[in-house]
Amino acid sequence: MVQVQKQHQLHINIEIDSRHYQVNVERMTGSQLLALAGAAAGNQLFRETPGPEEDQAVQPAQVVELHSGEKFYTVPVGNFG
């Protein structure tokens, strides 16, 4: 008899611009996260950082390790400073 192990389906829950997304991968690039959120081309992505530290900018080619409960937001080009 052959035993078959069920593979556990990965579910990571994140928010981008206050909208919930469930992804099944542990890593995505900034560009992939922007595309997932349907953000306009050229928008900047930020990862919210708890506490008094500044939120982290995520570059388009940067690979982000994802964890459930993380929050991201986008900012249109030209809305800095």
PDB file of N, CA and C in Angstrom:
ATOM      1  N   MET A   1       0.837  -1.173   0.000  1.00  0.00           N
ATOM      2  CA  MET A   1       0.000   0.000   0.000  1.00  0.00           C
ATOM      3  C   MET A   1       0.893   1.252   0.000  1.00  0.00           C
ATOM      4  N   VAL A   2       0.544   2.202  -0.811  1.00  0.00           N
ATOM      5  CA  VAL A   2       1.306   3.446  -0.917  1.00  0.00           C
ATOM      6  C   VAL A   2       0.625   4.504  -0.063  1.00  0.00           C
ATOM      7  N   GLN A   3       1.417   5.155   0.772  1.00  0.00           N
ATOM      8  CA  GLN A   3       0.876   6.243   1.592  1.00  0.00           C
ATOM      9  C   GLN A   3       1.118   7.561   0.879  1.00  0.00           C
ATOM     10  N   VAL A   4       0.092   8.373   0.834  1.00  0.00           N
ATOM     11  CA  VAL A   4       0.201   9.690   0.216  1.00  0.00           C
ATOM     12  C   VAL A   4      -0.003  10.726   1.303  1.00  0.00           C
ATOM     13  N   GLN A   5       0.963  11.607   1.433  1.00  0.00           N
ATOM     14  CA  GLN A   5       0.835  12.676   2.418  1.00  0.00           C
ATOM     15  C   GLN A   5       0.185  13.874   1.753  1.00  0.00           C
ATOM     16  N   LYS A   6      -0.779  14.440   2.455  1.00  0.00           N
ATOM     17  CA  LYS A   6      -1.393  15.657   1.946  1.00  0.00           C
ATOM     18  C   LYS A   6      -0.435  16.812   2.155  1.00  0.00           C
ATOM     19  N   GLN A   7      -0.279  17.605   1.125  1.00  0.00           N
ATOM     20  CA  GLN A   7       0.537  18.793   1.273  1.00  0.00           C
ATOM     21  C   GLN A   7      -0.320  19.891   1.879  1.00  0.00           C
ATOM     22  N   HIS A   8       0.251  20.567   2.846  1.00  0.00           N
ATOM     23  CA  HIS A   8      -0.461  21.659   3.500  1.00  0.00           C
ATOM     24  C   HIS A   8      -0.450  22.878   2.583  1.00  0.00           C
ATOM     25  N   GLN A   9      -1.626  23.388   2.278  1.00  0.00           N
ATOM     26  CA  GLN A   9      -1.735  24.585   1.443  1.00  0.00           C
ATOM     27  C   GLN A   9      -1.363  25.805   2.273  1.00  0.00           C
ATOM     28  N   LEU A  10      -0.419  26.564   1.798  1.00  0.00           N
ATOM     29  CA  LEU A  10       0.055  27.756   2.492  1.00  0.00           C
ATOM     30  C   LEU A  10      -0.938  28.900   2.288  1.00  0.00           C
ATOM     31  N   HIS A  11      -1.319  29.558   3.367  1.00  0.00           N
ATOM     32  CA  HIS A  11      -2.202  30.726   3.298  1.00  0.00           C
ATOM     33  C   HIS A  11      -1.600  31.826   4.158  1.00  0.00           C
ATOM     34  N   ILE A  12      -1.190  32.902   3.528  1.00  0.00           N
ATOM     35  CA  ILE A  12      -0.665  34.058   4.243  1.00  0.00           C
ATOM     36  C   ILE A  12      -1.617  35.219   3.994  1.00  0.00           C
ATOM     37  N   ASN A  13      -2.093  35.826   5.070  1.00  0.00           N
ATOM     38  CA  ASN A  13      -3.044  36.925   4.986  1.00  0.00           C
ATOM     39  C   ASN A  13      -2.324  38.249   5.189  1.00  0.00           C
ATOM     40  N   ILE A  14      -2.422  39.120   4.180  1.00  0.00           N
ATOM     41  CA  ILE A  14      -1.806  40.439   4.252  1.00  0.00           C
ATOM     42  C   ILE A  14      -2.837  41.493   3.867  1.00  0.00           C
ATOM     43  N   GLU A  15      -2.502  42.741   4.133  1.00  0.00           N
ATOM     44  CA  GLU A  15      -3.342  43.858   3.701  1.00  0.00           C
ATOM     45  C   GLU A  15      -2.499  44.812   2.871  1.00  0.00           C
ATOM     46  N   ILE A  16      -3.106  45.304   1.803  1.00  0.00           N
ATOM     47  CA  ILE A  16      -2.502  46.368   1.009  1.00  0.00           C
ATOM     48  C   ILE A  16      -3.575  47.423   0.832  1.00  0.00           C
ATOM     49  N   ASP A  17      -3.290  48.647   1.254  1.00  0.00           N
ATOM     50  CA  ASP A  17      -4.261  49.743   1.189  1.00  0.00           C
ATOM     51  C   ASP A  17      -5.581  49.357   1.858  1.00  0.00           C
ATOM     52  N   SER A  18      -5.484  48.728   3.011  1.00  0.00           N
ATOM     53  CA  SER A  18      -6.637  48.316   3.842  1.00  0.00           C
ATOM     54  C   SER A  18      -7.526  47.266   3.178  1.00  0.00           C
ATOM     55  N   ARG A  19      -7.032  46.603   2.144  1.00  0.00           N
ATOM     56  CA  ARG A  19      -7.776  45.502   1.516  1.00  0.00           C
ATOM     57  C   ARG A  19      -7.063  44.198   1.820  1.00  0.00           C
ATOM     58  N   HIS A  20      -7.843  43.180   2.163  1.00  0.00           N
ATOM     59  CA  HIS A  20      -7.305  41.874   2.534  1.00  0.00           C
ATOM     60  C   HIS A  20      -6.952  41.059   1.291  1.00  0.00           C
ATOM     61  N   TYR A  21      -5.795  40.403   1.354  1.00  0.00           N
ATOM     62  CA  TYR A  21      -5.372  39.480   0.302  1.00  0.00           C
ATOM     63  C   TYR A  21      -4.842  38.223   0.973  1.00  0.00           C
ATOM     64  N   GLN A  22      -5.158  37.081   0.370  1.00  0.00           N
ATOM     65  CA  GLN A  22      -4.614  35.816   0.853  1.00  0.00           C
ATOM     66  C   GLN A  22      -3.719  35.271  -0.255  1.00  0.00           C
ATOM     67  N   VAL A  23      -2.445  35.073   0.076  1.00  0.00           N
ATOM     68  CA  VAL A  23      -1.487  34.570  -0.908  1.00  0.00           C
ATOM     69  C   VAL A  23      -0.989  33.198  -0.469  1.00  0.00           C
ATOM     70  N   ASN A  24      -0.498  32.443  -1.422  1.00  0.00           N
ATOM     71  CA  ASN A  24      -0.025  31.088  -1.105  1.00  0.00           C
ATOM     72  C   ASN A  24       1.470  30.928  -1.366  1.00  0.00           C
ATOM     73  N   VAL A  25       2.192  32.049  -1.268  1.00  0.00           N
ATOM     74  CA  VAL A  25       3.647  32.029  -1.391  1.00  0.00           C
ATOM     75  C   VAL A  25       4.244  32.798  -0.217  1.00  0.00           C
ATOM     76  N   GLU A  26       5.478  32.461   0.136  1.00  0.00           N
ATOM     77  CA  GLU A  26       6.126  33.113   1.280  1.00  0.00           C
ATOM     78  C   GLU A  26       6.885  34.367   0.895  1.00  0.00           C
ATOM     79  N   ARG A  27       7.160  34.542  -0.407  1.00  0.00           N
ATOM     80  CA  ARG A  27       7.945  35.694  -0.867  1.00  0.00           C
ATOM     81  C   ARG A  27       7.329  36.258  -2.139  1.00  0.00           C
ATOM     82  N   MET A  28       7.331  37.580  -2.217  1.00  0.00           N
ATOM     83  CA  MET A  28       6.896  38.276  -3.433  1.00  0.00           C
ATOM     84  C   MET A  28       7.771  39.510  -3.602  1.00  0.00           C
ATOM     85  N   THR A  29       7.893  39.972  -4.833  1.00  0.00           N
ATOM     86  CA  THR A  29       8.632  41.212  -5.067  1.00  0.00           C
ATOM     87  C   THR A  29       7.690  42.396  -4.855  1.00  0.00           C
ATOM     88  N   GLY A  30       8.287  43.563  -4.711  1.00  0.00           N
ATOM     89  CA  GLY A  30       7.485  44.772  -4.599  1.00  0.00           C
ATOM     90  C   GLY A  30       6.565  44.928  -5.798  1.00  0.00           C
ATOM     91  N   SER A  31       7.061  44.644  -6.996  1.00  0.00           N
ATOM     92  CA  SER A  31       6.246  44.732  -8.215  1.00  0.00           C
ATOM     93  C   SER A  31       5.065  43.771  -8.168  1.00  0.00           C
ATOM     94  N   GLN A  32       5.282  42.561  -7.681  1.00  0.00           N
ATOM     95  CA  GLN A  32       4.191  41.585  -7.579  1.00  0.00           C
ATOM     96  C   GLN A  32       3.134  42.043  -6.580  1.00  0.00           C
ATOM     97  N   LEU A  33       3.558  42.630  -5.473  1.00  0.00           N
ATOM     98  CA  LEU A  33       2.614  43.133  -4.486  1.00  0.00           C
ATOM     99  C   LEU A  33       1.810  44.302  -5.044  1.00  0.00           C
ATOM    100  N   LEU A  34       2.463  45.196  -5.781  1.00  0.00           N
ATOM    101  CA  LEU A  34       1.757  46.309  -6.417  1.00  0.00           C
ATOM    102  C   LEU A  34       0.728  45.788  -7.424  1.00  0.00           C
ATOM    103  N   ALA A  35       1.118  44.793  -8.217  1.00  0.00           N
ATOM    104  CA  ALA A  35       0.202  44.208  -9.200  1.00  0.00           C
ATOM    105  C   ALA A  35      -0.981  43.532  -8.508  1.00  0.00           C
ATOM    106  N   LEU A  36      -0.714  42.833  -7.419  1.00  0.00           N
ATOM    107  CA  LEU A  36      -1.769  42.170  -6.658  1.00  0.00           C
ATOM    108  C   LEU A  36      -2.821  43.175  -6.206  1.00  0.00           C
ATOM    109  N   ALA A  37      -2.358  44.345  -5.785  1.00  0.00           N
ATOM    110  CA  ALA A  37      -3.265  45.388  -5.294  1.00  0.00           C
ATOM    111  C   ALA A  37      -3.892  46.200  -6.419  1.00  0.00           C
ATOM    112  N   GLY A  38      -3.440  45.985  -7.641  1.00  0.00           N
ATOM    113  CA  GLY A  38      -3.967  46.758  -8.764  1.00  0.00           C
ATOM    114  C   GLY A  38      -3.534  48.210  -8.716  1.00  0.00           C
ATOM    115  N   ALA A  39      -2.384  48.468  -8.115  1.00  0.00           N
ATOM    116  CA  ALA A  39      -1.875  49.836  -7.971  1.00  0.00           C
ATOM    117  C   ALA A  39      -1.388  50.364  -9.324  1.00  0.00           C
ATOM    118  N   ALA A  40      -1.476  51.671  -9.485  1.00  0.00           N
ATOM    119  CA  ALA A  40      -1.030  52.311 -10.716  1.00  0.00           C
ATOM    120  C   ALA A  40       0.477  52.145 -10.887  1.00  0.00           C
ATOM    121  N   ALA A  41       0.884  52.055 -12.129  1.00  0.00           N
ATOM    122  CA  ALA A  41       2.310  51.924 -12.432  1.00  0.00           C
ATOM    123  C   ALA A  41       3.069  53.104 -11.844  1.00  0.00           C
ATOM    124  N   GLY A  42       4.195  52.819 -11.227  1.00  0.00           N
ATOM    125  CA  GLY A  42       5.015  53.873 -10.658  1.00  0.00           C
ATOM    126  C   GLY A  42       4.718  54.193  -9.204  1.00  0.00           C
ATOM    127  N   ASN A  43       3.616  53.664  -8.667  1.00  0.00           N
ATOM    128  CA  ASN A  43       3.336  53.906  -7.244  1.00  0.00           C
ATOM    129  C   ASN A  43       4.439  53.300  -6.386  1.00  0.00           C
ATOM    130  N   GLN A  44       4.664  53.909  -5.244  1.00  0.00           N
ATOM    131  CA  GLN A  44       5.648  53.411  -4.281  1.00  0.00           C
ATOM    132  C   GLN A  44       4.922  52.529  -3.270  1.00  0.00           C
ATOM    133  N   LEU A  45       5.558  51.443  -2.854  1.00  0.00           N
ATOM    134  CA  LEU A  45       4.989  50.516  -1.873  1.00  0.00           C
ATOM    135  C   LEU A  45       5.740  50.660  -0.560  1.00  0.00           C
ATOM    136  N   PHE A  46       4.988  50.649   0.536  1.00  0.00           N
ATOM    137  CA  PHE A  46       5.579  50.716   1.870  1.00  0.00           C
ATOM    138  C   PHE A  46       5.046  49.580   2.725  1.00  0.00           C
ATOM    139  N   ARG A  47       5.916  49.053   3.582  1.00  0.00           N
ATOM    140  CA  ARG A  47       5.535  48.047   4.576  1.00  0.00           C
ATOM    141  C   ARG A  47       5.408  48.781   5.908  1.00  0.00           C
ATOM    142  N   GLU A  48       4.225  48.648   6.539  1.00  0.00           N
ATOM    143  CA  GLU A  48       4.021  49.306   7.828  1.00  0.00           C
ATOM    144  C   GLU A  48       4.909  48.667   8.884  1.00  0.00           C
ATOM    145  N   THR A  49       5.540  49.517   9.672  1.00  0.00           N
ATOM    146  CA  THR A  49       6.399  49.072  10.748  1.00  0.00           C
ATOM    147  C   THR A  49       5.752  49.463  12.070  1.00  0.00           C
ATOM    148  N   PRO A  50       5.482  48.500  12.957  1.00  0.00           N
ATOM    149  CA  PRO A  50       4.871  48.846  14.242  1.00  0.00           C
ATOM    150  C   PRO A  50       5.809  49.697  15.093  1.00  0.00           C
ATOM    151  N   GLY A  51       5.246  50.563  15.902  1.00  0.00           N
ATOM    152  CA  GLY A  51       6.051  51.383  16.798  1.00  0.00           C
ATOM    153  C   GLY A  51       6.474  52.686  16.151  1.00  0.00           C
ATOM    154  N   PRO A  52       7.448  53.338  16.773  1.00  0.00           N
ATOM    155  CA  PRO A  52       7.842  54.677  16.331  1.00  0.00           C
ATOM    156  C   PRO A  52       8.758  54.711  15.096  1.00  0.00           C
ATOM    157  N   GLU A  53       9.235  53.564  14.653  1.00  0.00           N
ATOM    158  CA  GLU A  53      10.142  53.553  13.512  1.00  0.00           C
ATOM    159  C   GLU A  53       9.396  53.856  12.214  1.00  0.00           C
ATOM    160  N   GLU A  54      10.129  54.410  11.242  1.00  0.00           N
ATOM    161  CA  GLU A  54       9.527  54.742   9.955  1.00  0.00           C
ATOM    162  C   GLU A  54       9.149  53.486   9.195  1.00  0.00           C
ATOM    163  N   ASP A  55       8.064  53.584   8.408  1.00  0.00           N
ATOM    164  CA  ASP A  55       7.667  52.473   7.552  1.00  0.00           C
ATOM    165  C   ASP A  55       8.754  52.240   6.505  1.00  0.00           C
ATOM    166  N   GLN A  56       8.849  50.998   6.044  1.00  0.00           N
ATOM    167  CA  GLN A  56       9.916  50.620   5.123  1.00  0.00           C
ATOM    168  C   GLN A  56       9.454  50.710   3.673  1.00  0.00           C
ATOM    169  N   ALA A  57      10.194  51.444   2.857  1.00  0.00           N
ATOM    170  CA  ALA A  57       9.926  51.477   1.420  1.00  0.00           C
ATOM    171  C   ALA A  57      10.316  50.128   0.829  1.00  0.00           C
ATOM    172  N   VAL A  58       9.495  49.623  -0.075  1.00  0.00           N
ATOM    173  CA  VAL A  58       9.777  48.361  -0.752  1.00  0.00           C
ATOM    174  C   VAL A  58      10.014  48.680  -2.227  1.00  0.00           C
ATOM    175  N   GLN A  59      11.209  48.381  -2.698  1.00  0.00           N
ATOM    176  CA  GLN A  59      11.562  48.643  -4.099  1.00  0.00           C
ATOM    177  C   GLN A  59      10.919  47.596  -5.002  1.00  0.00           C
ATOM    178  N   PRO A  60      10.656  47.939  -6.267  1.00  0.00           N
ATOM    179  CA  PRO A  60       9.985  47.005  -7.180  1.00  0.00           C
ATOM    180  C   PRO A  60      10.660  45.636  -7.298  1.00  0.00           C
ATOM    181  N   ALA A  61      11.987  45.591  -7.348  1.00  0.00           N
ATOM    182  CA  ALA A  61      12.693  44.314  -7.511  1.00  0.00           C
ATOM    183  C   ALA A  61      13.016  43.629  -6.183  1.00  0.00           C
ATOM    184  N   GLN A  62      12.714  44.303  -5.072  1.00  0.00           N
ATOM    185  CA  GLN A  62      13.029  43.762  -3.746  1.00  0.00           C
ATOM    186  C   GLN A  62      12.123  42.584  -3.418  1.00  0.00           C
ATOM    187  N   VAL A  63      12.712  41.501  -2.946  1.00  0.00           N
ATOM    188  CA  VAL A  63      11.954  40.327  -2.522  1.00  0.00           C
ATOM    189  C   VAL A  63      11.563  40.516  -1.052  1.00  0.00           C
ATOM    190  N   VAL A  64      10.279  40.351  -0.781  1.00  0.00           N
ATOM    191  CA  VAL A  64       9.744  40.559   0.564  1.00  0.00           C
ATOM    192  C   VAL A  64       9.311  39.219   1.144  1.00  0.00           C
ATOM    193  N   GLU A  65       9.797  38.914   2.336  1.00  0.00           N
ATOM    194  CA  GLU A  65       9.358  37.730   3.079  1.00  0.00           C
ATOM    195  C   GLU A  65       8.021  38.096   3.725  1.00  0.00           C
ATOM    196  N   LEU A  66       6.978  37.356   3.403  1.00  0.00           N
ATOM    197  CA  LEU A  66       5.628  37.689   3.873  1.00  0.00           C
ATOM    198  C   LEU A  66       5.250  36.911   5.119  1.00  0.00           C
ATOM    199  N   HIS A  67       4.506  37.589   6.004  1.00  0.00           N
ATOM    200  CA  HIS A  67       3.997  36.985   7.229  1.00  0.00           C
ATOM    201  C   HIS A  67       2.550  37.422   7.403  1.00  0.00           C
ATOM    202  N   SER A  68       1.697  36.504   7.846  1.00  0.00           N
ATOM    203  CA  SER A  68       0.295  36.853   8.068  1.00  0.00           C
ATOM    204  C   SER A  68       0.184  38.041   9.012  1.00  0.00           C
ATOM    205  N   GLY A  69      -0.733  38.935   8.676  1.00  0.00           N
ATOM    206  CA  GLY A  69      -0.988  40.102   9.500  1.00  0.00           C
ATOM    207  C   GLY A  69      -0.225  41.337   9.069  1.00  0.00           C
ATOM    208  N   GLU A  70       0.708  41.191   8.132  1.00  0.00           N
ATOM    209  CA  GLU A  70       1.474  42.359   7.689  1.00  0.00           C
ATOM    210  C   GLU A  70       0.595  43.289   6.872  1.00  0.00           C
ATOM    211  N   LYS A  71       0.952  44.587   6.958  1.00  0.00           N
ATOM    212  CA  LYS A  71       0.197  45.604   6.235  1.00  0.00           C
ATOM    213  C   LYS A  71       1.143  46.411   5.353  1.00  0.00           C
ATOM    214  N   PHE A  72       0.654  46.679   4.164  1.00  0.00           N
ATOM    215  CA  PHE A  72       1.379  47.477   3.183  1.00  0.00           C
ATOM    216  C   PHE A  72       0.448  48.577   2.690  1.00  0.00           C
ATOM    217  N   TYR A  73       1.038  49.626   2.129  1.00  0.00           N
ATOM    218  CA  TYR A  73       0.219  50.661   1.494  1.00  0.00           C
ATOM    219  C   TYR A  73       0.991  51.253   0.327  1.00  0.00           C
ATOM    220  N   THR A  74       0.243  51.829  -0.604  1.00  0.00           N
ATOM    221  CA  THR A  74       0.849  52.433  -1.783  1.00  0.00           C
ATOM    222  C   THR A  74       0.685  53.944  -1.717  1.00  0.00           C
ATOM    223  N   VAL A  75       1.631  54.628  -2.355  1.00  0.00           N
ATOM    224  CA  VAL A  75       1.611  56.086  -2.427  1.00  0.00           C
ATOM    225  C   VAL A  75       1.870  56.471  -3.876  1.00  0.00           C
ATOM    226  N   PRO A  76       0.995  57.282  -4.482  1.00  0.00           N
ATOM    227  CA  PRO A  76       1.237  57.725  -5.853  1.00  0.00           C
ATOM    228  C   PRO A  76       2.518  58.546  -5.979  1.00  0.00           C
ATOM    229  N   VAL A  77       3.131  58.480  -7.127  1.00  0.00           N
ATOM    230  CA  VAL A  77       4.342  59.253  -7.393  1.00  0.00           C
ATOM    231  C   VAL A  77       4.032  60.734  -7.201  1.00  0.00           C
ATOM    232  N   GLY A  78       4.965  61.450  -6.589  1.00  0.00           N
ATOM    233  CA  GLY A  78       4.802  62.893  -6.400  1.00  0.00           C
ATOM    234  C   GLY A  78       4.118  63.275  -5.099  1.00  0.00           C
ATOM    235  N   ASN A  79       3.749  62.303  -4.263  1.00  0.00           N
ATOM    236  CA  ASN A  79       3.082  62.601  -2.984  1.00  0.00           C
ATOM    237  C   ASN A  79       4.034  62.485  -1.805  1.00  0.00           C
ATOM    238  N   PHE A  80       5.312  62.675  -2.037  1.00  0.00           N
ATOM    239  CA  PHE A  80       6.290  62.603  -0.945  1.00  0.00           C
ATOM    240  C   PHE A  80       6.684  64.005  -0.538  1.00  0.00           C
ATOM    241  N   GLY A  81       6.912  64.176   0.766  1.00  0.00           N
ATOM    242  CA  GLY A  81       7.440  65.409   1.327  1.00  0.00           C
ATOM    243  C   GLY A  81       6.488  66.507   1.199  1.00  0.00           C
TER     244      GLY A  81
END
